[in-house]
Amino acid sequence: MIRMKYIVAMFIIILIVLQFFQPEKTNPATDSSLSLEEQTEISPHIAKLIGRACRDCHTNDTVWPLHSYIAPISWLVDYEGNYEPPMAWVLLDATCEQIMLGKMPPKRYLVVHPEAKLADTEKEAICGWAMEEKKNYE
């Protein structure tokens, strides 16, 4: 019994100490001319889908939820935000493939953001838009 209390006490102490090792959470300013909206023709429907499934990680407009402040969970959330956007054609080149393979949005993101899950028809709509827009850069 004493051993169990010791283990629980050590676990709590470790969790408390871990709270002092948090990743930085910032949303730095970016050049709006690099945004997808500025570089492509995007319909409101597609913009809404991308906003729901991609924007939190692939822009500096990250909304930091409560769990992003609790270590060690915060270390898993660190991939969100602080994103330096590439030119639109780079995103368009990979968007369809990543979405159709189920790599985006990542499964670990969907665990805490189920609203970001895309239906097959939504994936096809984004993919169709990306392939059409990519033609403008070829």
N, C-alpha and C. Protein backbone atom coordinates (compact mmCIF):
# COMPACT_ATOMS: atom_id res chain seq x y z
N MET A 1 0.82 -1.20 0.00
CA MET A 1 0.00 0.00 0.00
C MET A 1 0.86 1.26 0.00
N ILE A 2 1.93 1.25 0.83
CA ILE A 2 2.83 2.40 0.89
C ILE A 2 3.54 2.58 -0.45
N ARG A 3 3.89 1.47 -1.06
CA ARG A 3 4.55 1.52 -2.36
C ARG A 3 3.63 2.17 -3.40
N MET A 4 2.35 1.85 -3.39
CA MET A 4 1.39 2.42 -4.33
C MET A 4 1.25 3.93 -4.12
N LYS A 5 1.20 4.35 -2.85
CA LYS A 5 1.12 5.78 -2.54
C LYS A 5 2.36 6.50 -3.06
N TYR A 6 3.51 5.87 -2.91
CA TYR A 6 4.76 6.44 -3.39
C TYR A 6 4.74 6.60 -4.91
N ILE A 7 4.28 5.59 -5.61
CA ILE A 7 4.21 5.63 -7.07
C ILE A 7 3.25 6.73 -7.52
N VAL A 8 2.10 6.83 -6.91
CA VAL A 8 1.13 7.87 -7.25
C VAL A 8 1.71 9.25 -6.97
N ALA A 9 2.36 9.42 -5.83
CA ALA A 9 2.97 10.71 -5.48
C ALA A 9 4.05 11.09 -6.48
N MET A 10 4.88 10.15 -6.88
CA MET A 10 5.93 10.42 -7.88
C MET A 10 5.32 10.79 -9.23
N PHE A 11 4.27 10.10 -9.61
CA PHE A 11 3.59 10.39 -10.87
C PHE A 11 3.04 11.82 -10.88
N ILE A 12 2.43 12.21 -9.78
CA ILE A 12 1.88 13.57 -9.66
C ILE A 12 2.99 14.61 -9.69
N ILE A 13 4.08 14.34 -9.00
CA ILE A 13 5.22 15.27 -9.00
C ILE A 13 5.80 15.41 -10.41
N ILE A 14 5.94 14.30 -11.11
CA ILE A 14 6.45 14.35 -12.49
C ILE A 14 5.52 15.16 -13.38
N LEU A 15 4.21 14.95 -13.27
CA LEU A 15 3.26 15.73 -14.07
C LEU A 15 3.36 17.22 -13.77
N ILE A 16 3.54 17.57 -12.52
CA ILE A 16 3.68 18.99 -12.15
C ILE A 16 4.96 19.57 -12.76
N VAL A 17 6.06 18.84 -12.65
CA VAL A 17 7.33 19.32 -13.22
C VAL A 17 7.22 19.48 -14.73
N LEU A 18 6.54 18.57 -15.39
CA LEU A 18 6.38 18.63 -16.85
C LEU A 18 5.68 19.92 -17.30
N GLN A 19 4.86 20.50 -16.44
CA GLN A 19 4.14 21.71 -16.83
C GLN A 19 5.08 22.89 -17.07
N PHE A 20 6.30 22.81 -16.56
CA PHE A 20 7.28 23.88 -16.77
C PHE A 20 7.99 23.77 -18.12
N PHE A 21 7.72 22.71 -18.86
CA PHE A 21 8.37 22.48 -20.15
C PHE A 21 7.32 22.48 -21.25
N GLN A 22 6.85 23.66 -21.58
CA GLN A 22 5.78 23.82 -22.57
C GLN A 22 6.35 24.36 -23.89
N PRO A 23 5.85 23.89 -25.00
CA PRO A 23 6.26 24.48 -26.28
C PRO A 23 5.70 25.89 -26.40
N GLU A 24 6.36 26.71 -27.17
CA GLU A 24 5.90 28.08 -27.38
C GLU A 24 4.62 28.07 -28.21
N LYS A 25 3.67 28.90 -27.81
CA LYS A 25 2.40 28.99 -28.52
C LYS A 25 2.21 30.43 -28.99
N THR A 26 2.54 30.65 -30.24
CA THR A 26 2.39 31.99 -30.81
C THR A 26 1.70 31.89 -32.15
N ASN A 27 1.16 32.97 -32.58
CA ASN A 27 0.59 33.09 -33.92
C ASN A 27 1.25 34.30 -34.58
N PRO A 28 2.49 34.13 -35.05
CA PRO A 28 3.18 35.28 -35.61
C PRO A 28 2.51 35.81 -36.88
N ALA A 29 2.75 37.07 -37.14
CA ALA A 29 2.20 37.69 -38.35
C ALA A 29 2.85 37.06 -39.58
N THR A 30 2.07 36.94 -40.63
CA THR A 30 2.58 36.42 -41.89
C THR A 30 2.22 37.37 -43.01
N ASP A 31 2.84 37.17 -44.13
CA ASP A 31 2.57 37.97 -45.32
C ASP A 31 1.26 37.47 -45.94
N SER A 32 0.22 38.28 -45.90
CA SER A 32 -1.10 37.84 -46.41
C SER A 32 -1.07 37.56 -47.90
N SER A 33 -0.09 38.09 -48.62
CA SER A 33 -0.01 37.81 -50.06
C SER A 33 0.35 36.36 -50.33
N LEU A 34 0.82 35.65 -49.30
CA LEU A 34 1.16 34.23 -49.45
C LEU A 34 -0.02 33.32 -49.12
N SER A 35 -1.13 33.89 -48.70
CA SER A 35 -2.28 33.06 -48.31
C SER A 35 -2.90 32.37 -49.51
N LEU A 36 -3.53 31.26 -49.24
CA LEU A 36 -4.20 30.49 -50.28
C LEU A 36 -5.27 31.34 -50.97
N GLU A 37 -5.98 32.12 -50.18
CA GLU A 37 -7.05 32.96 -50.72
C GLU A 37 -6.52 34.01 -51.69
N GLU A 38 -5.32 34.52 -51.44
CA GLU A 38 -4.73 35.54 -52.30
C GLU A 38 -4.11 34.95 -53.56
N GLN A 39 -3.69 33.70 -53.49
CA GLN A 39 -2.97 33.11 -54.61
C GLN A 39 -3.81 32.21 -55.51
N THR A 40 -5.03 31.93 -55.10
CA THR A 40 -5.87 31.02 -55.88
C THR A 40 -7.30 31.56 -55.97
N GLU A 41 -8.03 30.98 -56.89
CA GLU A 41 -9.48 31.21 -56.97
C GLU A 41 -10.11 30.12 -56.11
N ILE A 42 -10.79 30.50 -55.06
CA ILE A 42 -11.33 29.50 -54.15
C ILE A 42 -12.79 29.83 -53.84
N SER A 43 -13.65 28.85 -54.01
CA SER A 43 -15.07 29.07 -53.75
C SER A 43 -15.32 29.11 -52.25
N PRO A 44 -16.40 29.74 -51.84
CA PRO A 44 -16.72 29.77 -50.41
C PRO A 44 -16.86 28.36 -49.79
N HIS A 45 -17.42 27.43 -50.57
CA HIS A 45 -17.59 26.06 -50.07
C HIS A 45 -16.23 25.41 -49.79
N ILE A 46 -15.31 25.50 -50.74
CA ILE A 46 -13.97 24.91 -50.56
C ILE A 46 -13.22 25.63 -49.45
N ALA A 47 -13.35 26.95 -49.40
CA ALA A 47 -12.68 27.72 -48.33
C ALA A 47 -13.18 27.27 -46.96
N LYS A 48 -14.46 26.99 -46.86
CA LYS A 48 -15.03 26.53 -45.59
C LYS A 48 -14.49 25.15 -45.21
N LEU A 49 -14.40 24.24 -46.18
CA LEU A 49 -13.85 22.90 -45.92
C LEU A 49 -12.39 22.98 -45.48
N ILE A 50 -11.61 23.76 -46.21
CA ILE A 50 -10.19 23.90 -45.88
C ILE A 50 -10.04 24.59 -44.52
N GLY A 51 -10.88 25.58 -44.27
CA GLY A 51 -10.84 26.27 -42.98
C GLY A 51 -11.11 25.31 -41.83
N ARG A 52 -12.06 24.42 -42.02
CA ARG A 52 -12.44 23.48 -40.96
C ARG A 52 -11.37 22.40 -40.74
N ALA A 53 -10.79 21.90 -41.83
CA ALA A 53 -9.91 20.75 -41.72
C ALA A 53 -8.42 21.08 -41.72
N CYS A 54 -8.05 22.25 -42.21
CA CYS A 54 -6.62 22.53 -42.43
C CYS A 54 -6.08 23.78 -41.74
N ARG A 55 -6.93 24.77 -41.58
CA ARG A 55 -6.48 26.10 -41.17
C ARG A 55 -5.77 26.13 -39.81
N ASP A 56 -6.21 25.35 -38.86
CA ASP A 56 -5.63 25.41 -37.53
C ASP A 56 -4.13 25.07 -37.54
N CYS A 57 -3.73 24.16 -38.40
CA CYS A 57 -2.32 23.77 -38.46
C CYS A 57 -1.56 24.51 -39.55
N HIS A 58 -2.21 24.77 -40.65
CA HIS A 58 -1.51 25.30 -41.82
C HIS A 58 -1.64 26.80 -41.98
N THR A 59 -1.86 27.50 -40.89
CA THR A 59 -1.81 28.97 -40.87
C THR A 59 -1.29 29.38 -39.50
N ASN A 60 -1.09 30.65 -39.33
CA ASN A 60 -0.72 31.17 -38.02
C ASN A 60 -1.94 31.72 -37.30
N ASP A 61 -3.11 31.18 -37.62
CA ASP A 61 -4.36 31.55 -36.96
C ASP A 61 -4.82 30.44 -36.01
N THR A 62 -3.88 29.72 -35.46
CA THR A 62 -4.19 28.59 -34.60
C THR A 62 -5.00 29.02 -33.38
N VAL A 63 -6.03 28.26 -33.10
CA VAL A 63 -6.78 28.44 -31.86
C VAL A 63 -6.21 27.41 -30.89
N TRP A 64 -5.62 27.89 -29.80
CA TRP A 64 -4.96 27.00 -28.84
C TRP A 64 -5.98 26.51 -27.83
N PRO A 65 -6.46 25.27 -27.94
CA PRO A 65 -7.45 24.73 -27.00
C PRO A 65 -6.82 24.44 -25.64
N LEU A 66 -7.66 24.19 -24.66
CA LEU A 66 -7.20 23.95 -23.29
C LEU A 66 -6.15 22.85 -23.21
N HIS A 67 -6.36 21.77 -23.94
CA HIS A 67 -5.42 20.65 -23.83
C HIS A 67 -4.02 21.01 -24.34
N SER A 68 -3.88 22.08 -25.09
CA SER A 68 -2.56 22.48 -25.59
C SER A 68 -1.70 23.13 -24.51
N TYR A 69 -2.26 23.32 -23.33
CA TYR A 69 -1.53 23.90 -22.21
C TYR A 69 -1.18 22.88 -21.13
N ILE A 70 -1.49 21.61 -21.37
CA ILE A 70 -1.27 20.57 -20.36
C ILE A 70 -0.23 19.57 -20.90
N ALA A 71 0.96 19.57 -20.29
CA ALA A 71 1.99 18.61 -20.69
C ALA A 71 1.61 17.24 -20.12
N PRO A 72 1.89 16.17 -20.79
CA PRO A 72 2.64 16.03 -22.03
C PRO A 72 1.78 16.15 -23.29
N ILE A 73 0.49 16.35 -23.14
CA ILE A 73 -0.38 16.50 -24.32
C ILE A 73 0.06 17.69 -25.17
N SER A 74 0.51 18.76 -24.52
CA SER A 74 0.91 19.96 -25.24
C SER A 74 2.05 19.69 -26.22
N TRP A 75 2.86 18.70 -25.95
CA TRP A 75 3.96 18.38 -26.86
C TRP A 75 3.43 17.78 -28.16
N LEU A 76 2.31 17.09 -28.09
CA LEU A 76 1.70 16.53 -29.30
C LEU A 76 1.01 17.61 -30.12
N VAL A 77 0.58 18.67 -29.46
CA VAL A 77 -0.14 19.74 -30.13
C VAL A 77 0.83 20.74 -30.76
N ASP A 78 2.09 20.66 -30.41
CA ASP A 78 3.07 21.64 -30.85
C ASP A 78 3.15 21.76 -32.37
N TYR A 79 2.77 20.72 -33.12
CA TYR A 79 2.85 20.82 -34.57
C TYR A 79 1.85 21.83 -35.12
N GLU A 80 0.85 22.19 -34.33
CA GLU A 80 -0.13 23.18 -34.76
C GLU A 80 0.47 24.57 -34.66
N GLY A 81 0.17 25.43 -35.61
CA GLY A 81 0.59 26.83 -35.55
C GLY A 81 2.02 27.05 -35.97
N ASN A 82 2.45 28.30 -35.90
CA ASN A 82 3.79 28.72 -36.29
C ASN A 82 4.17 28.17 -37.67
N TYR A 83 3.29 28.34 -38.60
CA TYR A 83 3.46 27.76 -39.92
C TYR A 83 3.86 28.84 -40.91
N GLU A 84 4.93 28.62 -41.60
CA GLU A 84 5.37 29.55 -42.63
C GLU A 84 4.82 29.03 -43.96
N PRO A 85 3.79 29.69 -44.51
CA PRO A 85 3.14 29.15 -45.70
C PRO A 85 4.02 29.21 -46.94
N PRO A 86 4.09 28.11 -47.68
CA PRO A 86 4.81 28.14 -48.95
C PRO A 86 3.93 28.78 -50.01
N MET A 87 4.47 28.93 -51.17
CA MET A 87 3.66 29.44 -52.27
C MET A 87 2.53 28.45 -52.54
N ALA A 88 1.42 28.95 -53.04
CA ALA A 88 0.22 28.13 -53.21
C ALA A 88 0.46 26.88 -54.04
N TRP A 89 1.27 26.97 -55.09
CA TRP A 89 1.44 25.81 -55.96
C TRP A 89 2.08 24.64 -55.22
N VAL A 90 2.90 24.93 -54.21
CA VAL A 90 3.50 23.84 -53.43
C VAL A 90 2.40 23.10 -52.66
N LEU A 91 1.47 23.86 -52.06
CA LEU A 91 0.36 23.24 -51.35
C LEU A 91 -0.55 22.47 -52.30
N LEU A 92 -0.85 23.06 -53.43
CA LEU A 92 -1.75 22.42 -54.38
C LEU A 92 -1.17 21.10 -54.88
N ASP A 93 0.14 21.05 -55.02
CA ASP A 93 0.80 19.85 -55.52
C ASP A 93 0.60 18.67 -54.59
N ALA A 94 0.55 18.93 -53.28
CA ALA A 94 0.47 17.84 -52.31
C ALA A 94 -0.92 17.67 -51.69
N THR A 95 -1.77 18.67 -51.82
CA THR A 95 -3.06 18.65 -51.13
C THR A 95 -3.89 17.42 -51.45
N CYS A 96 -4.11 17.18 -52.71
CA CYS A 96 -4.97 16.05 -53.12
C CYS A 96 -4.40 14.73 -52.62
N GLU A 97 -3.13 14.51 -52.84
CA GLU A 97 -2.52 13.24 -52.45
C GLU A 97 -2.63 13.01 -50.94
N GLN A 98 -2.29 14.03 -50.15
CA GLN A 98 -2.31 13.89 -48.69
C GLN A 98 -3.72 13.64 -48.16
N ILE A 99 -4.70 14.33 -48.72
CA ILE A 99 -6.08 14.16 -48.26
C ILE A 99 -6.62 12.79 -48.67
N MET A 100 -6.39 12.41 -49.91
CA MET A 100 -6.93 11.14 -50.39
C MET A 100 -6.27 9.93 -49.72
N LEU A 101 -5.01 10.06 -49.32
CA LEU A 101 -4.33 8.97 -48.62
C LEU A 101 -4.71 8.92 -47.14
N GLY A 102 -5.48 9.91 -46.68
CA GLY A 102 -5.90 9.95 -45.29
C GLY A 102 -4.81 10.46 -44.34
N LYS A 103 -3.79 11.09 -44.90
CA LYS A 103 -2.71 11.62 -44.06
C LYS A 103 -3.05 13.00 -43.51
N MET A 104 -3.97 13.67 -44.15
CA MET A 104 -4.41 14.99 -43.70
C MET A 104 -5.93 15.00 -43.63
N PRO A 105 -6.50 15.54 -42.59
CA PRO A 105 -5.85 15.88 -41.34
C PRO A 105 -5.36 14.62 -40.64
N PRO A 106 -4.26 14.75 -39.87
CA PRO A 106 -3.70 13.57 -39.19
C PRO A 106 -4.66 12.96 -38.18
N LYS A 107 -4.56 11.67 -38.00
CA LYS A 107 -5.46 10.97 -37.07
C LYS A 107 -5.34 11.51 -35.64
N ARG A 108 -4.13 11.85 -35.21
CA ARG A 108 -3.97 12.36 -33.84
C ARG A 108 -4.66 13.71 -33.68
N TYR A 109 -4.76 14.47 -34.74
CA TYR A 109 -5.48 15.75 -34.70
C TYR A 109 -6.98 15.50 -34.61
N LEU A 110 -7.46 14.52 -35.37
CA LEU A 110 -8.89 14.21 -35.40
C LEU A 110 -9.41 13.69 -34.07
N VAL A 111 -8.53 13.12 -33.25
CA VAL A 111 -8.96 12.62 -31.94
C VAL A 111 -9.55 13.75 -31.11
N VAL A 112 -8.93 14.92 -31.14
CA VAL A 112 -9.41 16.05 -30.34
C VAL A 112 -10.14 17.10 -31.18
N HIS A 113 -10.13 16.94 -32.50
CA HIS A 113 -10.84 17.86 -33.39
C HIS A 113 -11.68 17.05 -34.39
N PRO A 114 -12.68 16.31 -33.92
CA PRO A 114 -13.45 15.46 -34.83
C PRO A 114 -14.17 16.25 -35.93
N GLU A 115 -14.41 17.53 -35.70
CA GLU A 115 -15.09 18.35 -36.71
C GLU A 115 -14.22 18.55 -37.96
N ALA A 116 -12.93 18.26 -37.87
CA ALA A 116 -12.04 18.42 -39.01
C ALA A 116 -12.07 17.23 -39.97
N LYS A 117 -12.73 16.15 -39.57
CA LYS A 117 -12.81 14.96 -40.43
C LYS A 117 -13.56 15.29 -41.71
N LEU A 118 -12.99 14.88 -42.82
CA LEU A 118 -13.59 15.13 -44.12
C LEU A 118 -14.28 13.88 -44.65
N ALA A 119 -15.50 14.07 -45.14
CA ALA A 119 -16.22 12.98 -45.81
C ALA A 119 -15.57 12.75 -47.17
N ASP A 120 -15.82 11.59 -47.77
CA ASP A 120 -15.24 11.29 -49.08
C ASP A 120 -15.63 12.34 -50.12
N THR A 121 -16.88 12.79 -50.08
CA THR A 121 -17.31 13.80 -51.06
C THR A 121 -16.57 15.13 -50.84
N GLU A 122 -16.27 15.45 -49.58
CA GLU A 122 -15.52 16.68 -49.28
C GLU A 122 -14.07 16.54 -49.74
N LYS A 123 -13.50 15.37 -49.55
CA LYS A 123 -12.14 15.12 -50.04
C LYS A 123 -12.08 15.27 -51.55
N GLU A 124 -13.07 14.70 -52.23
CA GLU A 124 -13.12 14.79 -53.69
C GLU A 124 -13.29 16.24 -54.16
N ALA A 125 -14.09 17.01 -53.45
CA ALA A 125 -14.30 18.41 -53.81
C ALA A 125 -13.00 19.20 -53.66
N ILE A 126 -12.30 19.01 -52.56
CA ILE A 126 -11.03 19.72 -52.35
C ILE A 126 -10.01 19.26 -53.38
N CYS A 127 -9.97 17.97 -53.65
CA CYS A 127 -9.02 17.43 -54.62
C CYS A 127 -9.29 17.98 -56.02
N GLY A 128 -10.54 18.01 -56.40
CA GLY A 128 -10.91 18.56 -57.71
C GLY A 128 -10.51 20.02 -57.83
N TRP A 129 -10.78 20.80 -56.78
CA TRP A 129 -10.40 22.21 -56.77
C TRP A 129 -8.87 22.36 -56.87
N ALA A 130 -8.13 21.57 -56.09
CA ALA A 130 -6.66 21.66 -56.09
C ALA A 130 -6.08 21.34 -57.46
N MET A 131 -6.62 20.31 -58.10
CA MET A 131 -6.11 19.93 -59.42
C MET A 131 -6.43 21.00 -60.47
N GLU A 132 -7.61 21.60 -60.38
CA GLU A 132 -7.96 22.69 -61.30
C GLU A 132 -7.06 23.90 -61.08
N GLU A 133 -6.83 24.26 -59.84
CA GLU A 133 -5.99 25.42 -59.52
C GLU A 133 -4.54 25.16 -59.90
N LYS A 134 -4.10 23.93 -59.76
CA LYS A 134 -2.72 23.61 -60.09
C LYS A 134 -2.42 23.87 -61.56
N LYS A 135 -3.42 23.72 -62.41
CA LYS A 135 -3.24 23.98 -63.85
C LYS A 135 -2.81 25.42 -64.10
N ASN A 136 -3.19 26.34 -63.23
CA ASN A 136 -2.81 27.75 -63.39
C ASN A 136 -1.32 27.99 -63.13
N TYR A 137 -0.65 27.03 -62.50
CA TYR A 137 0.76 27.19 -62.16
C TYR A 137 1.67 26.37 -63.04
N GLU A 138 1.09 25.59 -63.94
CA GLU A 138 1.92 24.73 -64.80
C GLU A 138 2.33 25.47 -66.06
